[in-house]
C-alpha atoms as a PDB file:
ATOM      1  CA  MET A   1     -32.817  44.434   8.570  1.00  0.00           C
ATOM      2  CA  GLU A   2     -29.464  45.821   9.725  1.00  0.00           C
ATOM      3  CA  ASP A   3     -29.765  43.768  12.870  1.00  0.00           C
ATOM      4  CA  ASN A   4     -30.183  40.600  10.807  1.00  0.00           C
ATOM      5  CA  PHE A   5     -27.020  41.382   8.802  1.00  0.00           C
ATOM      6  CA  SER A   6     -24.970  42.313  11.871  1.00  0.00           C
ATOM      7  CA  ASN A   7     -26.245  39.229  13.687  1.00  0.00           C
ATOM      8  CA  TYR A   8     -25.433  37.093  10.649  1.00  0.00           C
ATOM      9  CA  PHE A   9     -21.891  38.483  10.440  1.00  0.00           C
ATOM     10  CA  ASN A  10     -21.332  38.081  14.148  1.00  0.00           C
ATOM     11  CA  GLN A  11     -22.460  34.433  13.986  1.00  0.00           C
ATOM     12  CA  THR A  12     -20.323  33.816  10.894  1.00  0.00           C
ATOM     13  CA  GLY A  13     -17.315  35.342  12.631  1.00  0.00           C
ATOM     14  CA  LYS A  14     -17.811  33.125  15.691  1.00  0.00           C
ATOM     15  CA  VAL A  15     -18.189  30.029  13.536  1.00  0.00           C
ATOM     16  CA  ALA A  16     -15.088  30.949  11.502  1.00  0.00           C
ATOM     17  CA  LYS A  17     -13.076  31.517  14.679  1.00  0.00           C
ATOM     18  CA  GLU A  18     -14.135  28.181  16.066  1.00  0.00           C
ATOM     19  CA  TYR A  19     -13.292  26.485  12.785  1.00  0.00           C
ATOM     20  CA  LEU A  20      -9.821  28.019  12.744  1.00  0.00           C
ATOM     21  CA  GLU A  21      -9.196  27.053  16.356  1.00  0.00           C
ATOM     22  CA  THR A  22     -10.346  23.510  15.737  1.00  0.00           C
ATOM     23  CA  ARG A  23      -8.235  23.279  12.536  1.00  0.00           C
ATOM     24  CA  LEU A  24      -5.194  24.524  14.449  1.00  0.00           C
ATOM     25  CA  ASP A  25      -5.818  21.900  17.151  1.00  0.00           C
ATOM     26  CA  LEU A  26      -6.086  19.231  14.467  1.00  0.00           C
ATOM     27  CA  ILE A  27      -2.777  20.299  12.869  1.00  0.00           C
ATOM     28  CA  LYS A  28      -1.086  20.274  16.320  1.00  0.00           C
ATOM     29  CA  LEU A  29      -2.386  16.732  16.957  1.00  0.00           C
ATOM     30  CA  GLN A  30      -1.290  15.493  13.558  1.00  0.00           C
ATOM     31  CA  ALA A  31       2.154  16.967  14.052  1.00  0.00           C
ATOM     32  CA  ALA A  32       2.423  15.419  17.530  1.00  0.00           C
ATOM     33  CA  GLY A  33       1.405  12.033  16.077  1.00  0.00           C
ATOM     34  CA  LYS A  34       3.981  12.228  13.333  1.00  0.00           C
ATOM     35  CA  LEU A  35       6.702  13.385  15.769  1.00  0.00           C
ATOM     36  CA  SER A  36       5.928  10.561  18.140  1.00  0.00           C
ATOM     37  CA  LYS A  37       6.123   8.057  15.304  1.00  0.00           C
ATOM     38  CA  ALA A  38       9.392   9.481  14.061  1.00  0.00           C
ATOM     39  CA  LEU A  39      10.857   9.454  17.579  1.00  0.00           C
ATOM     40  CA  GLY A  40       9.705   5.905  18.212  1.00  0.00           C
ATOM     41  CA  LEU A  41      11.267   4.767  14.979  1.00  0.00           C
ATOM     42  CA  PHE A  42      14.472   6.698  15.798  1.00  0.00           C
ATOM     43  CA  PHE A  43      14.858   5.139  19.272  1.00  0.00           C
ATOM     44  CA  SER A  44      14.022   1.607  18.044  1.00  0.00           C
ATOM     45  CA  LEU A  45      16.596   1.976  15.236  1.00  0.00           C
ATOM     46  CA  THR A  46      19.133   3.360  17.705  1.00  0.00           C
ATOM     47  CA  MET A  47      18.639   0.433  20.015  1.00  0.00           C
ATOM     48  CA  ALA A  48      18.933  -2.029  17.099  1.00  0.00           C
ATOM     49  CA  PHE A  49      22.180  -0.407  15.987  1.00  0.00           C
ATOM     50  CA  LEU A  50      23.614  -0.495  19.532  1.00  0.00           C
ATOM     51  CA  LEU A  51      22.787  -4.183  19.795  1.00  0.00           C
ATOM     52  CA  PHE A  52      24.292  -4.813  16.397  1.00  0.00           C
ATOM     53  CA  PHE A  53      27.391  -2.885  17.407  1.00  0.00           C
ATOM     54  CA  PHE A  54      27.917  -4.962  20.590  1.00  0.00           C
ATOM     55  CA  VAL A  55      27.348  -8.190  18.694  1.00  0.00           C
ATOM     56  CA  ILE A  56      29.957  -7.163  16.089  1.00  0.00           C
ATOM     57  CA  VAL A  57      32.475  -6.150  18.808  1.00  0.00           C
ATOM     58  CA  PHE A  58      32.118  -9.380  20.647  1.00  0.00           C
ATOM     59  CA  LEU A  59      32.313 -11.465  17.460  1.00  0.00           C
ATOM     60  CA  GLY A  60      35.471  -9.567  16.564  1.00  0.00           C
ATOM     61  CA  MET A  61      36.986 -10.488  19.951  1.00  0.00           C
ATOM     62  CA  VAL A  62      36.025 -14.117  19.405  1.00  0.00           C
ATOM     63  CA  VAL A  63      37.614 -14.099  15.942  1.00  0.00           C
ATOM     64  CA  GLY A  64      40.713 -12.427  17.293  1.00  0.00           C
ATOM     65  CA  PHE A  65      41.144 -14.955  20.086  1.00  0.00           C
ATOM     66  CA  TRP A  66      40.340 -17.879  17.734  1.00  0.00           C
ATOM     67  CA  ILE A  67      42.860 -16.754  15.071  1.00  0.00           C
ATOM     68  CA  GLY A  68      45.360 -16.017  17.853  1.00  0.00           C
ATOM     69  CA  GLU A  69      45.123 -19.507  19.225  1.00  0.00           C
ATOM     70  CA  MET A  70      45.330 -21.025  15.707  1.00  0.00           C
ATOM     71  CA  THR A  71      48.474 -18.996  14.910  1.00  0.00           C
ATOM     72  CA  GLY A  72      49.996 -18.983  18.367  1.00  0.00           C
ATOM     73  CA  SER A  73      50.103 -15.134  18.474  1.00  0.00           C
ATOM     74  CA  PHE A  74      47.279 -12.957  19.768  1.00  0.00           C
ATOM     75  CA  THR A  75      48.859 -10.045  17.896  1.00  0.00           C
ATOM     76  CA  ILE A  76      48.272 -11.717  14.555  1.00  0.00           C
ATOM     77  CA  GLY A  77      44.800 -12.831  15.617  1.00  0.00           C
ATOM     78  CA  PHE A  78      43.597  -9.396  16.609  1.00  0.00           C
ATOM     79  CA  SER A  79      45.371  -7.827  13.607  1.00  0.00           C
ATOM     80  CA  CYS A  80      43.349 -10.181  11.345  1.00  0.00           C
ATOM     81  CA  ALA A  81      40.150  -9.297  13.226  1.00  0.00           C
ATOM     82  CA  ALA A  82      40.946  -5.569  12.843  1.00  0.00           C
ATOM     83  CA  GLY A  83      41.519  -6.158   9.105  1.00  0.00           C
ATOM     84  CA  LEU A  84      38.050  -7.768   8.903  1.00  0.00           C
ATOM     85  CA  PHE A  85      36.629  -4.690  10.633  1.00  0.00           C
ATOM     86  CA  VAL A  86      38.372  -2.397   8.152  1.00  0.00           C
ATOM     87  CA  LEU A  87      37.012  -4.540   5.270  1.00  0.00           C
ATOM     88  CA  LEU A  88      33.495  -4.381   6.709  1.00  0.00           C
ATOM     89  CA  PHE A  89      33.839  -0.593   7.130  1.00  0.00           C
ATOM     90  CA  LEU A  90      34.911  -0.194   3.498  1.00  0.00           C
ATOM     91  CA  VAL A  91      32.026  -2.319   2.246  1.00  0.00           C
ATOM     92  CA  LEU A  92      29.556  -0.218   4.225  1.00  0.00           C
ATOM     93  CA  LEU A  93      31.228   2.996   3.095  1.00  0.00           C
ATOM     94  CA  PHE A  94      30.976   2.094  -0.634  1.00  0.00           C
ATOM     95  CA  PHE A  95      27.464   0.598  -0.426  1.00  0.00           C
ATOM     96  CA  ARG A  96      25.941   2.880   2.222  1.00  0.00           C
ATOM     97  CA  LYS A  97      23.266   4.324  -0.054  1.00  0.00           C
ATOM     98  CA  PRO A  98      21.677   1.053  -1.243  1.00  0.00           C
ATOM     99  CA  LEU A  99      22.326  -0.743   2.039  1.00  0.00           C
ATOM    100  CA  ILE A 100      21.551   1.966   4.635  1.00  0.00           C
ATOM    101  CA  GLN A 101      20.392   5.347   3.420  1.00  0.00           C
ATOM    102  CA  ARG A 102      17.668   4.368   0.956  1.00  0.00           C
ATOM    103  CA  PRO A 103      16.047   1.620   3.079  1.00  0.00           C
ATOM    104  CA  LEU A 104      16.066   3.903   6.197  1.00  0.00           C
ATOM    105  CA  GLY A 105      14.658   6.824   4.164  1.00  0.00           C
ATOM    106  CA  LYS A 106      11.927   4.560   2.767  1.00  0.00           C
ATOM    107  CA  LEU A 107      11.133   3.168   6.170  1.00  0.00           C
ATOM    108  CA  LEU A 108      10.838   6.623   7.702  1.00  0.00           C
ATOM    109  CA  LEU A 109       8.677   8.000   4.845  1.00  0.00           C
ATOM    110  CA  ALA A 110       6.428   4.998   4.919  1.00  0.00           C
ATOM    111  CA  GLU A 111       6.048   5.305   8.656  1.00  0.00           C
ATOM    112  CA  LEU A 112       5.237   9.054   8.488  1.00  0.00           C
ATOM    113  CA  LEU A 113       3.024   8.884   5.404  1.00  0.00           C
ATOM    114  CA  ASP A 114       1.005   5.763   6.120  1.00  0.00           C
ATOM    115  CA  GLU A 115      -2.011   7.726   7.411  1.00  0.00           C
ATOM    116  CA  MET A 116      -1.996   9.969   4.335  1.00  0.00           C
ATOM    117  CA  ALA A 117      -2.755   6.985   2.131  1.00  0.00           C
ATOM    118  CA  GLU A 118      -6.186   6.738   3.763  1.00  0.00           C
ATOM    119  CA  PRO A 119      -8.872   8.811   1.941  1.00  0.00           C
ATOM    120  CA  GLY A 120     -10.129  11.808   3.764  1.00  0.00           C
ATOM    121  CA  VAL A 121      -6.910  12.831   5.458  1.00  0.00           C
ATOM    122  CA  LEU A 122      -5.979  16.495   4.844  1.00  0.00           C
ATOM    123  CA  GLY A 123      -8.545  16.890   2.054  1.00  0.00           C
ATOM    124  CA  GLN A 124      -7.328  13.985  -0.132  1.00  0.00           C
ATOM    125  CA  ASP A 125     -10.863  12.728  -0.673  1.00  0.00           C
ATOM    126  CA  GLU A 126     -11.467  15.491  -3.202  1.00  0.00           C
ATOM    127  CA  GLU A 127     -10.115  14.396  -6.572  1.00  0.00           C
ATOM    128  CA  GLU A 128      -8.907  16.901  -9.094  1.00  0.00           C
ATOM    129  CA  GLU A 129     -10.651  16.836 -12.406  1.00  0.00           C
ATOM    130  CA  ALA A 130      -8.420  16.392 -15.464  1.00  0.00           C
ATOM    131  CA  PRO A 131      -9.474  17.912 -18.794  1.00  0.00           C
ATOM    132  CA  ALA A 132     -11.155  15.451 -21.113  1.00  0.00           C
ATOM    133  CA  GLY A 133      -8.732  13.333 -23.098  1.00  0.00           C
ATOM    134  CA  GLU A 134      -5.781  14.033 -20.821  1.00  0.00           C
ATOM    135  CA  PRO A 135      -4.554  11.538 -18.249  1.00  0.00           C
ATOM    136  CA  LYS A 136      -4.607  12.671 -14.697  1.00  0.00           C
ATOM    137  CA  ALA A 137      -1.088  13.832 -13.690  1.00  0.00           C
ATOM    138  CA  SER A 138       0.002  12.834 -10.242  1.00  0.00           C
ATOM    139  CA  ALA A 139       2.237  15.151  -8.297  1.00  0.00           C
ATOM    140  CA  GLU A 140       3.576  12.292  -6.184  1.00  0.00           C
ATOM    141  CA  PRO A 141       4.802   8.862  -7.087  1.00  0.00           C
ATOM    142  CA  GLU A 142       2.539   5.881  -6.597  1.00  0.00           C
ATOM    143  CA  ASP A 143       4.639   4.521  -3.756  1.00  0.00           C
ATOM    144  CA  PRO A 144       4.543   6.946  -0.860  1.00  0.00           C
ATOM    145  CA  ALA A 145       7.937   5.725   0.324  1.00  0.00           C
ATOM    146  CA  TYR A 146       9.621   6.420  -3.035  1.00  0.00           C
ATOM    147  CA  VAL A 147      12.931   8.217  -2.672  1.00  0.00           C
ATOM    148  CA  PRO A 148      14.554   9.369  -5.954  1.00  0.00           C
ATOM    149  CA  ASP A 149      18.292   8.790  -6.369  1.00  0.00           C
ATOM    150  CA  GLU A 150      20.658  11.731  -6.545  1.00  0.00           C
ATOM    151  CA  GLU A 151      21.079  11.587 -10.348  1.00  0.00           C
ATOM    152  CA  ALA A 152      17.292  12.148 -10.822  1.00  0.00           C
ATOM    153  CA  THR A 153      17.080  15.035  -8.372  1.00  0.00           C
ATOM    154  CA  GLU A 154      20.285  16.701  -9.639  1.00  0.00           C
ATOM    155  CA  SER A 155      19.190  16.584 -13.281  1.00  0.00           C
ATOM    156  CA  THR A 156      15.787  18.027 -12.540  1.00  0.00           C
ATOM    157  CA  SER A 157      17.129  20.805 -10.287  1.00  0.00           C
ATOM    158  CA  LYS A 158      19.677  21.970 -12.828  1.00  0.00           C
ATOM    159  CA  GLY A 159      17.359  22.491 -15.744  1.00  0.00           C
END
């Protein structure tokens, strides 16, 4: 009888060890997949910003030469073009959160969390039971790409 128990525990230990190794491999593969998605998104956004930068620089030169020829002074033309760049910089500075930070954050979160929306990923196929009469409380917002604004996170973290 002792042989049966020791054999059972040996087999259970082997199965548990194989399970943990497999689970560790799965976590590594999921992390590698998410990292590759994030790096791909990063490099594509970097290339898009570089292209945008060169387009803006050459358009600024065109505007500078055009205003210079209209006024007869390239100094005035390029000064006006520089003024337009300063104006564009100020607009981007004041509206960076709604124009740049939030859309990029939502894009990155949506890209990284798209596979988590599928049932069965990381144990999401098991639904938690809510007590009768109480609505099921969700720990996450309905939109996986939801990014709260600073006022919401500051007020919840203070109190």
